[in-house]
Amino acid sequence: MTQLVKRFAHQIRVPATYMRGGTSKGVFFLLTELPAFARIPGAARDELLLRIIGSPDPYGKQIDGMGGATSSTSKTVIVSKSAHADHDVDYLFGQVAIDKSFVDWSGNCGNLSAAVGGFAISKGLVAAERVPENGICTVRIWQANIKKTIIAHVAISDGEVQETGDFELDGVTFPAAEVQLEFIDPADEGEGDAGGSMFPTGQLIDDLEVPGVGTFKATLINAGIPTIFLNAADVGYAGTELQDAINNDPYALQRFETIRAYGAHKMGLIKDISEAVARQHTPKVAFVSPPKSYLSSSGKQVDSTDIDLLVRALSMGKLHHAMMGTAAVAIGTAAAIPGTLVNLAAGGGNRTAVTFGHPSGTLRVGAEATQSDGEWRVKKAIMSRSARVLMEGWVRVPPTANQLKS
């Protein structure tokens, strides 16, 4: 006897590569290999990416998708041949919310930026004559979210991307090949009332009033990614905290989210506080402190003599397990400008690089700042990450409502 089976549409296959870049992981796509309805920005694309990652998930686990249930692992990247002069590829980053139904396109991921160059080379998007048989390939990346240039220096051996190596990155368990990144002119162009200044309020330090929470000294900066820097002591912390100290405290998380919303408003990124809920990726909130010794999340001892300052940063509403790459650019930029909270936490004065302590260990970032007509400018910020392919082939996804319509 034949049993009747209720019929549903079959899953679709989308060519994809699952990659680690820095301390993040994400699903990478070639624009030309996405379904036709997802090759242009809009609700249809977002719907597809949400379903691929496994969001929205009220359980917060993303079990039915490629996401890893953290801000560091709920990410998507779309790469294409560049439409911009003197660039090899265009790189678009989508931060996928875990328990909500939206993709935030408002900023870059500095960690996944480290994987874009290797992905572009392996997919043939970099002209063959520019890829050495052995040596370093310079990949010119147009970061489409923030309209900035990133230069990736990718190791090549025997004509292929070299992913294995001995470069160690705190927050990543295994060593790999070093990828040096240059973030060119990293200061944001500014949105809304933010104008075009690196410091949207025109001040190195502001009094940030947060109704019901308090008034805090804050450095509000647009560099790498819009970031609100606070003093750790002002928000009741030492600066040595690991994830559980913040993420297991709902009151602390709500407090930081309120601070973030009012900071976003003061920076001109939103017109009304209520808009912050739909803009979780930016701005970031971070708190800084002078150097202290502490035990990192891996059990590694970090000595105060090995670092210039401590930084803890929140991403998508939670304390990050290490440091976002774009926030590291903001840290390096702010540290290079005398008088910011970051610079003062590092001891003040003129600096071209800092090593800071984060929950997983340490990171060094360099930046050189100049001042002209009262305006600060940073030509570029430099740091090293690593990246490698974890899996490649096709991601399977149930057809979305938009795909069923097409």
Protein backbone atom coordinates (compact mmCIF):
# COMPACT_ATOMS: atom_id res chain seq x y z
CA MET A 1 0.00 0.00 0.00
CA THR A 2 1.46 3.34 -1.02
CA GLN A 3 1.54 5.91 1.74
CA LEU A 4 0.67 9.42 0.69
CA VAL A 5 3.32 12.00 1.54
CA LYS A 6 2.45 15.64 1.94
CA ARG A 7 4.48 17.48 -0.66
CA PHE A 8 6.56 20.58 -0.02
CA ALA A 9 8.98 22.48 -2.24
CA HIS A 10 12.51 21.04 -2.29
CA GLN A 11 15.45 22.90 -0.79
CA ILE A 12 17.53 25.07 -3.08
CA ARG A 13 21.33 24.94 -3.30
CA VAL A 14 23.36 28.13 -3.15
CA PRO A 15 27.12 28.04 -3.81
CA ALA A 16 28.87 29.22 -0.65
CA THR A 17 32.11 29.14 1.31
CA TYR A 18 32.24 28.99 5.09
CA MET A 19 35.26 30.94 6.34
CA ARG A 20 36.97 32.09 9.49
CA GLY A 21 38.38 35.58 9.38
CA GLY A 22 40.14 36.80 12.52
CA THR A 23 37.95 35.89 15.49
CA SER A 24 34.75 35.67 13.41
CA LYS A 25 33.13 33.15 11.07
CA GLY A 26 30.75 33.78 8.20
CA VAL A 27 29.15 32.43 5.04
CA PHE A 28 30.70 33.93 1.89
CA PHE A 29 28.89 34.25 -1.44
CA LEU A 30 29.77 35.44 -4.91
CA LEU A 31 27.15 37.98 -5.95
CA THR A 32 26.79 36.32 -9.34
CA GLU A 33 26.07 32.93 -7.71
CA LEU A 34 23.20 34.10 -5.54
CA PRO A 35 19.67 33.38 -6.75
CA ALA A 36 18.56 36.11 -9.13
CA PHE A 37 16.09 37.57 -6.64
CA ALA A 38 18.89 38.00 -4.06
CA ARG A 39 21.41 39.77 -6.26
CA ILE A 40 19.98 43.18 -5.41
CA PRO A 41 19.57 44.69 -1.95
CA GLY A 42 16.18 44.41 -0.29
CA ALA A 43 13.78 42.26 1.66
CA ALA A 44 14.18 39.22 -0.62
CA ARG A 45 17.96 39.10 -0.10
CA ASP A 46 17.59 39.60 3.64
CA GLU A 47 15.00 36.84 3.84
CA LEU A 48 17.35 34.39 2.12
CA LEU A 49 20.34 35.24 4.32
CA LEU A 50 18.27 35.04 7.50
CA ARG A 51 17.08 31.55 6.56
CA ILE A 52 20.59 30.40 5.62
CA ILE A 53 21.98 31.55 8.98
CA GLY A 54 18.97 30.20 10.90
CA SER A 55 17.30 33.40 12.08
CA PRO A 56 15.14 34.58 13.65
CA ASP A 57 15.49 31.93 16.33
CA PRO A 58 13.54 32.54 19.57
CA TYR A 59 15.70 29.85 21.19
CA GLY A 60 18.80 31.89 20.36
CA LYS A 61 20.72 28.83 19.08
CA GLN A 62 20.44 29.00 15.26
CA ILE A 63 20.26 25.19 15.22
CA ASP A 64 18.51 25.14 11.82
CA GLY A 65 21.10 27.23 10.01
CA MET A 66 24.77 28.07 9.55
CA GLY A 67 24.95 30.62 12.37
CA GLY A 68 26.79 29.89 15.62
CA ALA A 69 24.45 31.77 17.98
CA THR A 70 26.92 34.58 18.71
CA SER A 71 27.50 37.96 17.07
CA SER A 72 30.91 36.64 15.90
CA THR A 73 29.36 33.72 14.01
CA SER A 74 26.10 35.15 12.65
CA LYS A 75 27.60 36.86 9.62
CA THR A 76 27.32 36.90 5.84
CA VAL A 77 29.56 38.31 3.10
CA ILE A 78 28.82 39.05 -0.55
CA VAL A 79 31.78 39.60 -2.88
CA SER A 80 31.86 40.70 -6.51
CA LYS A 81 34.26 42.01 -9.12
CA SER A 82 34.76 45.67 -8.26
CA ALA A 83 32.89 48.42 -10.02
CA HIS A 84 35.32 50.94 -8.52
CA ALA A 85 38.53 52.12 -10.14
CA ASP A 86 41.79 50.77 -8.69
CA HIS A 87 40.00 48.08 -6.68
CA ASP A 88 39.82 44.33 -7.26
CA VAL A 89 36.61 43.44 -5.45
CA ASP A 90 33.57 44.93 -3.77
CA TYR A 91 32.83 43.48 -0.34
CA LEU A 92 29.43 43.78 1.34
CA PHE A 93 28.93 42.62 4.94
CA GLY A 94 25.62 41.62 6.54
CA GLN A 95 25.38 41.16 10.33
CA VAL A 96 22.46 38.78 10.85
CA ALA A 97 20.43 39.19 14.04
CA ILE A 98 20.02 35.98 16.02
CA ASP A 99 16.56 36.23 17.57
CA LYS A 100 15.15 39.01 15.40
CA SER A 101 14.25 39.15 11.73
CA PHE A 102 16.70 41.65 10.28
CA VAL A 103 20.10 41.94 8.66
CA ASP A 104 22.12 44.99 9.68
CA TRP A 105 24.06 46.50 6.76
CA SER A 106 25.22 49.62 8.62
CA GLY A 107 28.87 48.70 9.18
CA ASN A 108 31.84 46.53 8.31
CA CYS A 109 33.32 43.44 9.98
CA GLY A 110 37.04 43.99 10.41
CA ASN A 111 37.69 40.36 11.26
CA LEU A 112 36.00 38.93 8.17
CA SER A 113 37.81 41.58 6.12
CA ALA A 114 40.87 39.34 6.59
CA ALA A 115 39.14 36.54 4.67
CA VAL A 116 37.96 38.62 1.71
CA GLY A 117 41.34 38.80 -0.04
CA GLY A 118 41.93 35.05 -0.01
CA PHE A 119 38.35 34.36 -1.07
CA ALA A 120 38.67 36.82 -3.97
CA ILE A 121 41.93 35.25 -5.17
CA SER A 122 40.60 31.70 -4.98
CA LYS A 123 37.47 32.69 -6.92
CA GLY A 124 39.47 34.31 -9.73
CA LEU A 125 38.37 37.86 -8.98
CA VAL A 126 41.96 39.15 -8.84
CA ALA A 127 43.72 39.44 -12.19
CA ALA A 128 46.05 36.46 -12.69
CA GLU A 129 49.04 38.70 -13.49
CA ARG A 130 48.72 40.27 -10.04
CA VAL A 131 48.92 36.94 -8.20
CA PRO A 132 52.55 35.81 -7.76
CA GLU A 133 53.55 32.15 -7.84
CA ASN A 134 55.17 32.70 -4.47
CA GLY A 135 55.05 35.88 -2.39
CA ILE A 136 52.47 38.40 -1.24
CA CYS A 137 49.41 39.36 -3.27
CA THR A 138 47.99 42.80 -2.55
CA VAL A 139 44.20 42.76 -2.85
CA ARG A 140 42.43 46.11 -3.16
CA ILE A 141 39.02 45.83 -1.50
CA TRP A 142 36.16 48.30 -1.71
CA GLN A 143 34.15 48.00 1.51
CA ALA A 144 30.67 48.76 0.23
CA ASN A 145 28.93 49.23 3.60
CA ILE A 146 31.12 52.15 4.69
CA LYS A 147 32.55 53.12 1.27
CA LYS A 148 36.17 52.70 2.30
CA THR A 149 39.27 51.00 0.92
CA ILE A 150 40.92 48.04 2.65
CA ILE A 151 44.23 46.64 1.44
CA ALA A 152 44.81 42.97 2.26
CA HIS A 153 48.28 41.43 1.96
CA VAL A 154 47.74 37.72 1.33
CA ALA A 155 50.49 35.08 1.28
CA ILE A 156 50.69 32.96 -1.89
CA SER A 157 52.62 29.69 -2.26
CA ASP A 158 52.70 27.57 -5.42
CA GLY A 159 50.12 29.90 -6.94
CA GLU A 160 47.51 29.29 -4.23
CA VAL A 161 46.43 31.19 -1.14
CA GLN A 162 48.59 30.13 1.81
CA GLU A 163 46.26 29.55 4.76
CA THR A 164 48.45 27.51 7.10
CA GLY A 165 51.22 29.15 9.07
CA ASP A 166 52.63 30.03 12.47
CA PHE A 167 50.88 33.36 13.11
CA GLU A 168 49.04 33.25 16.43
CA LEU A 169 45.99 35.40 17.17
CA ASP A 170 44.50 35.57 20.64
CA GLY A 171 40.91 34.39 20.44
CA VAL A 172 41.76 31.78 17.79
CA THR A 173 43.00 28.41 19.05
CA PHE A 174 45.21 27.36 16.13
CA PRO A 175 47.93 29.25 14.23
CA ALA A 176 47.54 30.16 10.56
CA ALA A 177 49.05 32.41 7.89
CA GLU A 178 49.23 36.10 8.73
CA VAL A 179 47.10 38.53 6.73
CA GLN A 180 48.07 42.17 7.17
CA LEU A 181 45.24 44.65 6.69
CA GLU A 182 45.44 48.36 5.95
CA PHE A 183 42.26 50.35 6.56
CA ILE A 184 42.72 53.42 4.39
CA ASP A 185 41.38 56.74 5.69
CA PRO A 186 39.29 54.83 8.28
CA ALA A 187 37.34 57.81 9.63
CA ASP A 188 33.67 57.50 8.67
CA GLU A 189 32.15 60.05 6.32
CA GLY A 190 29.38 60.51 8.85
CA GLU A 191 25.63 60.11 8.60
CA GLY A 192 22.80 62.52 9.24
CA ASP A 193 23.84 65.20 11.69
CA ALA A 194 27.24 63.53 12.12
CA GLY A 195 28.65 65.49 9.19
CA GLY A 196 32.03 64.37 7.86
CA SER A 197 34.07 64.61 11.04
CA MET A 198 35.86 61.77 12.77
CA PHE A 199 34.39 63.20 15.96
CA PRO A 200 30.73 63.91 15.11
CA THR A 201 30.20 66.28 18.04
CA GLY A 202 33.46 68.12 17.39
CA GLN A 203 34.75 67.11 20.85
CA LEU A 204 37.37 64.56 21.89
CA ILE A 205 35.41 63.95 25.10
CA ASP A 206 31.70 64.56 25.57
CA ASP A 207 29.31 64.42 28.50
CA LEU A 208 26.88 61.72 27.40
CA GLU A 209 23.58 62.08 29.26
CA VAL A 210 21.61 58.84 29.51
CA PRO A 211 18.24 59.38 31.24
CA GLY A 212 17.68 56.91 34.05
CA VAL A 213 21.28 55.68 33.87
CA GLY A 214 23.64 58.62 34.37
CA THR A 215 26.00 61.04 32.67
CA PHE A 216 29.29 59.66 31.41
CA LYS A 217 32.49 61.01 29.93
CA ALA A 218 32.62 59.55 26.42
CA THR A 219 34.73 59.67 23.30
CA LEU A 220 32.42 59.35 20.29
CA ILE A 221 34.38 58.45 17.18
CA ASN A 222 33.65 57.42 13.58
CA ALA A 223 36.71 55.37 12.58
CA GLY A 224 36.60 51.77 11.44
CA ILE A 225 33.12 51.63 12.94
CA PRO A 226 31.17 54.23 14.95
CA THR A 227 32.17 53.62 18.58
CA ILE A 228 31.27 54.99 22.00
CA PHE A 229 34.22 54.78 24.39
CA LEU A 230 33.61 55.03 28.15
CA ASN A 231 35.87 54.80 31.19
CA ALA A 232 35.52 51.37 32.81
CA ALA A 233 35.45 52.85 36.30
CA ASP A 234 32.59 55.20 35.38
CA VAL A 235 30.35 52.23 34.53
CA GLY A 236 31.44 50.20 37.55
CA TYR A 237 34.04 47.88 36.01
CA ALA A 238 37.78 47.28 36.31
CA GLY A 239 38.36 46.65 32.60
CA THR A 240 39.58 43.09 33.24
CA GLU A 241 36.13 41.49 32.93
CA LEU A 242 35.50 38.36 30.86
CA GLN A 243 32.27 37.57 29.01
CA ASP A 244 30.30 36.00 31.86
CA ALA A 245 30.68 39.06 34.07
CA ILE A 246 28.65 41.09 31.57
CA ASN A 247 26.65 38.61 29.50
CA ASN A 248 25.16 36.83 32.52
CA ASP A 249 23.90 40.12 33.92
CA PRO A 250 20.65 41.19 32.15
CA TYR A 251 20.66 44.51 34.02
CA ALA A 252 24.16 45.33 32.73
CA LEU A 253 23.25 44.41 29.16
CA GLN A 254 20.15 46.59 29.23
CA ARG A 255 22.16 49.43 30.73
CA PHE A 256 24.76 49.23 27.97
CA GLU A 257 22.05 49.06 25.32
CA THR A 258 20.47 52.24 26.70
CA ILE A 259 23.86 53.95 26.68
CA ARG A 260 24.38 52.77 23.10
CA ALA A 261 21.02 54.16 21.96
CA TYR A 262 21.65 57.62 23.44
CA GLY A 263 25.21 57.59 22.10
CA ALA A 264 23.91 56.76 18.62
CA HIS A 265 21.53 59.70 18.85
CA LYS A 266 24.26 62.07 20.00
CA MET A 267 26.47 60.90 17.12
CA GLY A 268 23.69 61.66 14.63
CA LEU A 269 23.38 58.03 13.54
CA ILE A 270 19.68 57.90 14.43
CA LYS A 271 17.03 60.60 14.69
CA ASP A 272 15.05 58.97 17.47
CA ILE A 273 16.11 56.67 20.31
CA SER A 274 13.55 54.07 19.17
CA GLU A 275 15.53 53.52 15.95
CA ALA A 276 18.45 51.91 17.84
CA VAL A 277 16.67 48.56 18.11
CA ALA A 278 16.84 48.11 14.32
CA ARG A 279 20.49 49.21 14.18
CA GLN A 280 22.24 46.75 16.48
CA HIS A 281 25.54 46.48 14.60
CA THR A 282 26.44 50.16 15.02
CA PRO A 283 27.54 51.99 17.02
CA LYS A 284 29.65 49.80 19.29
CA VAL A 285 30.08 50.46 23.01
CA ALA A 286 33.49 49.89 24.62
CA PHE A 287 35.01 50.70 27.99
CA VAL A 288 38.69 51.38 28.62
CA SER A 289 41.05 51.29 31.56
CA PRO A 290 44.76 51.73 32.25
CA PRO A 291 46.68 48.44 32.11
CA LYS A 292 46.15 45.80 34.79
CA SER A 293 47.19 42.15 34.95
CA TYR A 294 44.47 39.54 34.44
CA LEU A 295 43.80 35.97 33.38
CA SER A 296 42.37 35.72 29.86
CA SER A 297 39.50 33.42 28.90
CA SER A 298 41.99 30.78 27.69
CA GLY A 299 43.82 30.81 31.03
CA LYS A 300 46.72 32.80 29.58
CA GLN A 301 48.21 35.38 31.95
CA VAL A 302 48.22 38.92 30.55
CA ASP A 303 50.66 41.15 32.45
CA SER A 304 50.12 44.87 32.81
CA THR A 305 53.66 45.44 31.51
CA ASP A 306 52.77 43.79 28.19
CA ILE A 307 49.88 46.12 27.31
CA ASP A 308 49.20 49.84 27.01
CA LEU A 309 45.55 49.70 28.09
CA LEU A 310 42.53 47.45 28.59
CA VAL A 311 39.48 47.48 26.31
CA ARG A 312 36.22 45.56 26.52
CA ALA A 313 33.64 45.98 23.75
CA LEU A 314 30.04 44.93 23.16
CA SER A 315 28.73 43.68 19.84
CA MET A 316 25.07 42.96 19.05
CA GLY A 317 24.17 43.43 22.70
CA LYS A 318 26.80 41.11 24.23
CA LEU A 319 30.39 41.47 25.42
CA HIS A 320 32.65 40.25 22.61
CA HIS A 321 34.87 37.27 23.35
CA ALA A 322 37.90 39.06 21.89
CA MET A 323 37.75 42.27 19.84
CA MET A 324 35.92 43.23 16.69
CA GLY A 325 38.38 44.18 13.94
CA THR A 326 36.61 47.42 13.16
CA ALA A 327 36.56 48.35 16.85
CA ALA A 328 40.31 47.67 16.92
CA VAL A 329 40.65 50.27 14.15
CA ALA A 330 38.66 52.70 16.30
CA ILE A 331 40.89 51.90 19.28
CA GLY A 332 44.09 52.46 17.31
CA THR A 333 42.76 55.68 15.81
CA ALA A 334 41.54 57.10 19.13
CA ALA A 335 44.77 56.08 20.86
CA ALA A 336 46.75 58.08 18.29
CA ILE A 337 44.88 61.29 19.12
CA PRO A 338 46.02 62.96 22.36
CA GLY A 339 43.16 63.70 24.74
CA THR A 340 40.67 60.96 23.89
CA LEU A 341 39.62 58.55 26.62
CA VAL A 342 41.47 55.77 24.80
CA ASN A 343 44.65 57.81 24.54
CA LEU A 344 44.45 58.83 28.20
CA ALA A 345 43.89 55.23 29.35
CA ALA A 346 47.07 54.32 27.45
CA GLY A 347 49.01 57.02 29.31
CA GLY A 348 48.44 59.98 27.00
CA GLY A 349 50.87 61.62 24.59
CA ASN A 350 51.66 60.90 20.97
CA ARG A 351 51.30 57.27 19.90
CA THR A 352 51.56 55.47 16.58
CA ALA A 353 50.55 52.04 17.93
CA VAL A 354 49.07 50.42 21.02
CA THR A 355 48.79 46.91 22.39
CA PHE A 356 45.56 46.44 24.28
CA GLY A 357 44.20 43.67 26.45
CA HIS A 358 40.84 42.09 25.59
CA PRO A 359 39.01 39.08 27.09
CA SER A 360 40.95 36.53 24.99
CA GLY A 361 44.39 38.13 25.20
CA THR A 362 46.11 41.01 23.45
CA LEU A 363 46.14 42.76 20.09
CA ARG A 364 48.41 45.38 18.56
CA VAL A 365 47.04 48.01 16.18
CA GLY A 366 48.81 50.95 14.61
CA ALA A 367 47.59 54.33 13.35
CA GLU A 368 49.17 57.68 12.64
CA ALA A 369 47.13 60.83 13.24
CA THR A 370 47.65 64.34 11.93
CA GLN A 371 45.81 67.56 12.71
CA SER A 372 45.07 70.29 10.19
CA ASP A 373 42.86 73.35 10.74
CA GLY A 374 41.60 71.84 13.96
CA GLU A 375 40.48 68.60 12.27
CA TRP A 376 42.08 65.24 13.06
CA ARG A 377 42.79 62.78 10.27
CA VAL A 378 44.22 59.28 10.20
CA LYS A 379 45.64 58.16 6.85
CA LYS A 380 45.42 54.45 7.68
CA ALA A 381 45.23 51.93 10.48
CA ILE A 382 47.13 48.65 10.32
CA MET A 383 46.68 45.30 12.04
CA SER A 384 47.24 41.63 11.38
CA ARG A 385 44.69 38.81 11.43
CA SER A 386 44.48 35.35 9.88
CA ALA A 387 41.85 33.54 7.81
CA ARG A 388 41.07 30.19 6.26
CA VAL A 389 38.38 28.26 4.42
CA LEU A 390 36.45 25.91 6.72
CA MET A 391 34.09 24.41 4.14
CA GLU A 392 33.07 25.06 0.56
CA GLY A 393 30.36 23.81 -1.75
CA TRP A 394 26.66 24.60 -1.44
CA VAL A 395 24.50 25.70 1.42
CA ARG A 396 21.03 24.15 1.36
CA VAL A 397 18.08 26.30 2.27
CA PRO A 398 14.29 25.83 2.16
CA PRO A 399 12.82 28.09 -0.51
CA THR A 400 11.88 31.49 0.81
CA ALA A 401 8.54 33.14 0.17
CA ASN A 402 10.15 35.39 -2.44
CA GLN A 403 11.78 32.42 -4.18
CA LEU A 404 8.47 30.58 -4.34
CA LYS A 405 6.92 33.63 -5.99
CA SER A 406 9.61 33.84 -8.68
